[in-house]
Amino acid sequence: MTNHIIIDPGAGAPQERAPRLQDKSDAELQDLISAATALLEERGAKRKQDAIAQIQRLAKEQGLNVKIDKPKRRRGRPPKAKAANS
């Protein structure tokens, strides 16, 4: 008796299901980049909110109050580094 192994990739390999990036127009690629950037920013903000909530919850369990402020943004150019030969 011979055993046969059948590998079923499902609905096709991922590269067969998704449209190829090379086939997209420049406008379609820009739209994709914009959508991906927005999604990544949204996910990052959600992770940050979740982390802050967890920190505050853990602190409260220990009887502490924690306030997390946004860092102050520095305006203007950073100071130039001094030359080593000065």
N, C-alpha and C. Protein backbone atom coordinates (compact mmCIF):
# COMPACT_ATOMS: atom_id res chain seq x y z
N MET A 1 0.85 -1.18 0.00
CA MET A 1 0.00 0.00 0.00
C MET A 1 0.89 1.23 0.00
N THR A 2 0.57 2.20 -0.85
CA THR A 2 1.35 3.42 -0.97
C THR A 2 0.60 4.56 -0.32
N ASN A 3 1.32 5.35 0.48
CA ASN A 3 0.72 6.54 1.08
C ASN A 3 0.94 7.73 0.17
N HIS A 4 -0.08 8.51 -0.06
CA HIS A 4 0.02 9.70 -0.88
C HIS A 4 -0.19 10.92 0.01
N ILE A 5 0.65 11.90 -0.17
CA ILE A 5 0.52 13.16 0.57
C ILE A 5 0.03 14.20 -0.42
N ILE A 6 -1.08 14.80 -0.09
CA ILE A 6 -1.66 15.83 -0.94
C ILE A 6 -1.56 17.16 -0.21
N ILE A 7 -0.94 18.12 -0.85
CA ILE A 7 -0.82 19.46 -0.27
C ILE A 7 -1.79 20.36 -0.99
N ASP A 8 -2.77 20.87 -0.26
CA ASP A 8 -3.79 21.73 -0.83
C ASP A 8 -3.52 23.16 -0.38
N PRO A 9 -3.10 24.03 -1.28
CA PRO A 9 -2.81 25.41 -0.88
C PRO A 9 -4.05 26.25 -0.64
N GLY A 10 -5.21 25.65 -0.69
CA GLY A 10 -6.43 26.41 -0.43
C GLY A 10 -6.89 27.11 -1.70
N ALA A 11 -7.22 28.37 -1.58
CA ALA A 11 -7.75 29.13 -2.72
C ALA A 11 -6.64 29.70 -3.58
N GLY A 12 -5.50 29.10 -3.54
CA GLY A 12 -4.38 29.61 -4.33
C GLY A 12 -3.36 30.27 -3.43
N ALA A 13 -2.16 30.35 -3.94
CA ALA A 13 -1.10 31.00 -3.17
C ALA A 13 -1.43 32.48 -3.02
N PRO A 14 -0.95 33.13 -1.95
CA PRO A 14 -1.29 34.53 -1.72
C PRO A 14 -0.96 35.43 -2.91
N GLN A 15 0.14 35.17 -3.59
CA GLN A 15 0.50 36.02 -4.72
C GLN A 15 -0.47 35.84 -5.89
N GLU A 16 -1.21 34.73 -5.94
CA GLU A 16 -2.18 34.52 -6.99
C GLU A 16 -3.49 35.23 -6.68
N ARG A 17 -3.83 35.37 -5.41
CA ARG A 17 -5.09 35.99 -5.02
C ARG A 17 -5.01 37.51 -5.04
N ALA A 18 -3.92 38.07 -4.57
CA ALA A 18 -3.79 39.51 -4.47
C ALA A 18 -3.29 40.08 -5.81
N PRO A 19 -3.81 41.25 -6.20
CA PRO A 19 -3.30 41.86 -7.43
C PRO A 19 -1.83 42.24 -7.25
N ARG A 20 -1.08 42.09 -8.29
CA ARG A 20 0.35 42.39 -8.22
C ARG A 20 0.56 43.90 -8.17
N LEU A 21 1.48 44.33 -7.33
CA LEU A 21 1.76 45.77 -7.21
C LEU A 21 2.29 46.33 -8.52
N GLN A 22 3.03 45.53 -9.26
CA GLN A 22 3.59 46.00 -10.53
C GLN A 22 2.50 46.34 -11.53
N ASP A 23 1.33 45.74 -11.38
CA ASP A 23 0.24 45.98 -12.32
C ASP A 23 -0.62 47.19 -11.96
N LYS A 24 -0.36 47.81 -10.81
CA LYS A 24 -1.16 48.95 -10.37
C LYS A 24 -0.59 50.24 -10.96
N SER A 25 -1.49 51.22 -11.15
CA SER A 25 -1.05 52.53 -11.64
C SER A 25 -0.42 53.31 -10.48
N ASP A 26 0.24 54.40 -10.83
CA ASP A 26 0.86 55.24 -9.79
C ASP A 26 -0.20 55.77 -8.83
N ALA A 27 -1.35 56.17 -9.36
CA ALA A 27 -2.42 56.69 -8.50
C ALA A 27 -2.93 55.62 -7.55
N GLU A 28 -3.08 54.40 -8.06
CA GLU A 28 -3.54 53.29 -7.21
C GLU A 28 -2.52 52.99 -6.11
N LEU A 29 -1.24 53.06 -6.46
CA LEU A 29 -0.19 52.81 -5.46
C LEU A 29 -0.19 53.91 -4.40
N GLN A 30 -0.37 55.18 -4.82
CA GLN A 30 -0.44 56.28 -3.86
C GLN A 30 -1.63 56.11 -2.92
N ASP A 31 -2.77 55.70 -3.47
CA ASP A 31 -3.95 55.44 -2.63
C ASP A 31 -3.69 54.33 -1.63
N LEU A 32 -3.02 53.28 -2.08
CA LEU A 32 -2.69 52.15 -1.21
C LEU A 32 -1.75 52.60 -0.09
N ILE A 33 -0.74 53.39 -0.46
CA ILE A 33 0.21 53.89 0.55
C ILE A 33 -0.51 54.78 1.57
N SER A 34 -1.39 55.66 1.08
CA SER A 34 -2.13 56.55 1.99
C SER A 34 -3.01 55.76 2.94
N ALA A 35 -3.71 54.77 2.39
CA ALA A 35 -4.59 53.95 3.22
C ALA A 35 -3.79 53.15 4.25
N ALA A 36 -2.65 52.60 3.82
CA ALA A 36 -1.82 51.82 4.75
C ALA A 36 -1.23 52.71 5.83
N THR A 37 -0.79 53.91 5.47
CA THR A 37 -0.24 54.85 6.45
C THR A 37 -1.29 55.23 7.49
N ALA A 38 -2.49 55.53 7.01
CA ALA A 38 -3.57 55.89 7.94
C ALA A 38 -3.90 54.73 8.87
N LEU A 39 -3.94 53.52 8.33
CA LEU A 39 -4.23 52.35 9.15
C LEU A 39 -3.14 52.12 10.19
N LEU A 40 -1.88 52.27 9.79
CA LEU A 40 -0.77 52.09 10.73
C LEU A 40 -0.81 53.15 11.84
N GLU A 41 -1.12 54.39 11.48
CA GLU A 41 -1.22 55.45 12.49
C GLU A 41 -2.36 55.16 13.46
N GLU A 42 -3.48 54.68 12.92
CA GLU A 42 -4.64 54.35 13.76
C GLU A 42 -4.29 53.21 14.73
N ARG A 43 -3.63 52.19 14.22
CA ARG A 43 -3.25 51.07 15.07
C ARG A 43 -2.24 51.51 16.14
N GLY A 44 -1.30 52.36 15.76
CA GLY A 44 -0.32 52.85 16.73
C GLY A 44 -0.98 53.66 17.83
N ALA A 45 -1.93 54.51 17.45
CA ALA A 45 -2.65 55.31 18.45
C ALA A 45 -3.45 54.40 19.38
N LYS A 46 -4.06 53.36 18.83
CA LYS A 46 -4.84 52.41 19.65
C LYS A 46 -3.94 51.67 20.63
N ARG A 47 -2.76 51.23 20.14
CA ARG A 47 -1.82 50.54 21.05
C ARG A 47 -1.36 51.47 22.16
N LYS A 48 -1.13 52.74 21.81
CA LYS A 48 -0.69 53.71 22.81
C LYS A 48 -1.78 53.93 23.87
N GLN A 49 -3.03 54.09 23.41
CA GLN A 49 -4.14 54.26 24.34
C GLN A 49 -4.29 53.05 25.25
N ASP A 50 -4.16 51.87 24.68
CA ASP A 50 -4.29 50.64 25.47
C ASP A 50 -3.17 50.54 26.51
N ALA A 51 -1.96 50.93 26.11
CA ALA A 51 -0.83 50.88 27.05
C ALA A 51 -1.02 51.87 28.19
N ILE A 52 -1.47 53.07 27.86
CA ILE A 52 -1.71 54.08 28.90
C ILE A 52 -2.79 53.60 29.86
N ALA A 53 -3.86 53.02 29.30
CA ALA A 53 -4.95 52.52 30.15
C ALA A 53 -4.44 51.40 31.07
N GLN A 54 -3.59 50.54 30.54
CA GLN A 54 -3.06 49.45 31.36
C GLN A 54 -2.14 49.98 32.46
N ILE A 55 -1.31 50.95 32.13
CA ILE A 55 -0.43 51.56 33.14
C ILE A 55 -1.27 52.20 34.25
N GLN A 56 -2.29 52.94 33.85
CA GLN A 56 -3.14 53.59 34.85
C GLN A 56 -3.89 52.57 35.70
N ARG A 57 -4.34 51.49 35.08
CA ARG A 57 -5.05 50.45 35.83
C ARG A 57 -4.11 49.79 36.84
N LEU A 58 -2.90 49.45 36.40
CA LEU A 58 -1.94 48.82 37.31
C LEU A 58 -1.55 49.75 38.45
N ALA A 59 -1.38 51.03 38.14
CA ALA A 59 -1.03 51.99 39.18
C ALA A 59 -2.18 52.13 40.18
N LYS A 60 -3.40 52.17 39.67
CA LYS A 60 -4.57 52.31 40.55
C LYS A 60 -4.69 51.12 41.48
N GLU A 61 -4.37 49.91 40.97
CA GLU A 61 -4.40 48.71 41.82
C GLU A 61 -3.42 48.82 42.98
N GLN A 62 -2.37 49.60 42.79
CA GLN A 62 -1.37 49.79 43.84
C GLN A 62 -1.63 51.06 44.66
N GLY A 63 -2.76 51.71 44.38
CA GLY A 63 -3.11 52.91 45.13
C GLY A 63 -2.42 54.16 44.64
N LEU A 64 -1.96 54.17 43.40
CA LEU A 64 -1.24 55.32 42.86
C LEU A 64 -2.06 55.97 41.75
N ASN A 65 -1.87 57.27 41.59
CA ASN A 65 -2.46 57.99 40.47
C ASN A 65 -1.35 58.31 39.48
N VAL A 66 -1.59 58.04 38.23
CA VAL A 66 -0.58 58.30 37.20
C VAL A 66 -1.21 59.19 36.15
N LYS A 67 -0.49 60.24 35.79
CA LYS A 67 -0.92 61.12 34.71
C LYS A 67 0.18 61.09 33.66
N ILE A 68 -0.21 60.80 32.44
CA ILE A 68 0.75 60.73 31.36
C ILE A 68 0.45 61.87 30.40
N ASP A 69 1.40 62.80 30.30
CA ASP A 69 1.25 63.96 29.41
C ASP A 69 1.98 63.71 28.11
N LYS A 70 1.52 64.38 27.09
CA LYS A 70 2.23 64.33 25.82
C LYS A 70 3.53 65.11 25.98
N PRO A 71 4.60 64.63 25.36
CA PRO A 71 5.87 65.37 25.47
C PRO A 71 5.75 66.71 24.75
N LYS A 72 6.43 67.71 25.29
CA LYS A 72 6.41 69.02 24.66
C LYS A 72 7.29 68.96 23.41
N ARG A 73 6.78 69.57 22.36
CA ARG A 73 7.53 69.58 21.11
C ARG A 73 8.48 70.76 21.11
N ARG A 74 9.68 70.51 20.68
CA ARG A 74 10.65 71.60 20.54
C ARG A 74 10.45 72.24 19.19
N ARG A 75 10.50 73.53 19.15
CA ARG A 75 10.29 74.25 17.91
C ARG A 75 11.63 74.70 17.35
N GLY A 76 11.69 74.76 16.05
CA GLY A 76 12.90 75.26 15.41
C GLY A 76 13.93 74.17 15.18
N ARG A 77 15.05 74.58 14.70
CA ARG A 77 16.13 73.66 14.40
C ARG A 77 16.89 73.28 15.67
N PRO A 78 17.42 72.07 15.68
CA PRO A 78 18.26 71.71 16.83
C PRO A 78 19.57 72.50 16.75
N PRO A 79 20.21 72.74 17.89
CA PRO A 79 21.46 73.50 17.88
C PRO A 79 22.54 72.73 17.11
N LYS A 80 23.40 73.50 16.43
CA LYS A 80 24.49 72.88 15.68
C LYS A 80 25.53 72.33 16.65
N ALA A 81 26.10 71.21 16.25
CA ALA A 81 27.16 70.61 17.07
C ALA A 81 28.42 71.43 16.91
N LYS A 82 29.18 71.58 17.99
CA LYS A 82 30.43 72.33 17.94
C LYS A 82 31.49 71.49 17.24
N ALA A 83 32.34 72.16 16.50
CA ALA A 83 33.42 71.48 15.79
C ALA A 83 34.42 70.93 16.80
N ALA A 84 35.03 69.80 16.49
CA ALA A 84 35.97 69.16 17.40
C ALA A 84 37.28 69.95 17.53
N ASN A 85 37.62 70.76 16.53
CA ASN A 85 38.88 71.50 16.53
C ASN A 85 38.75 72.89 17.14
N SER A 86 37.63 73.22 17.72
CA SER A 86 37.43 74.57 18.26
C SER A 86 38.09 74.74 19.59
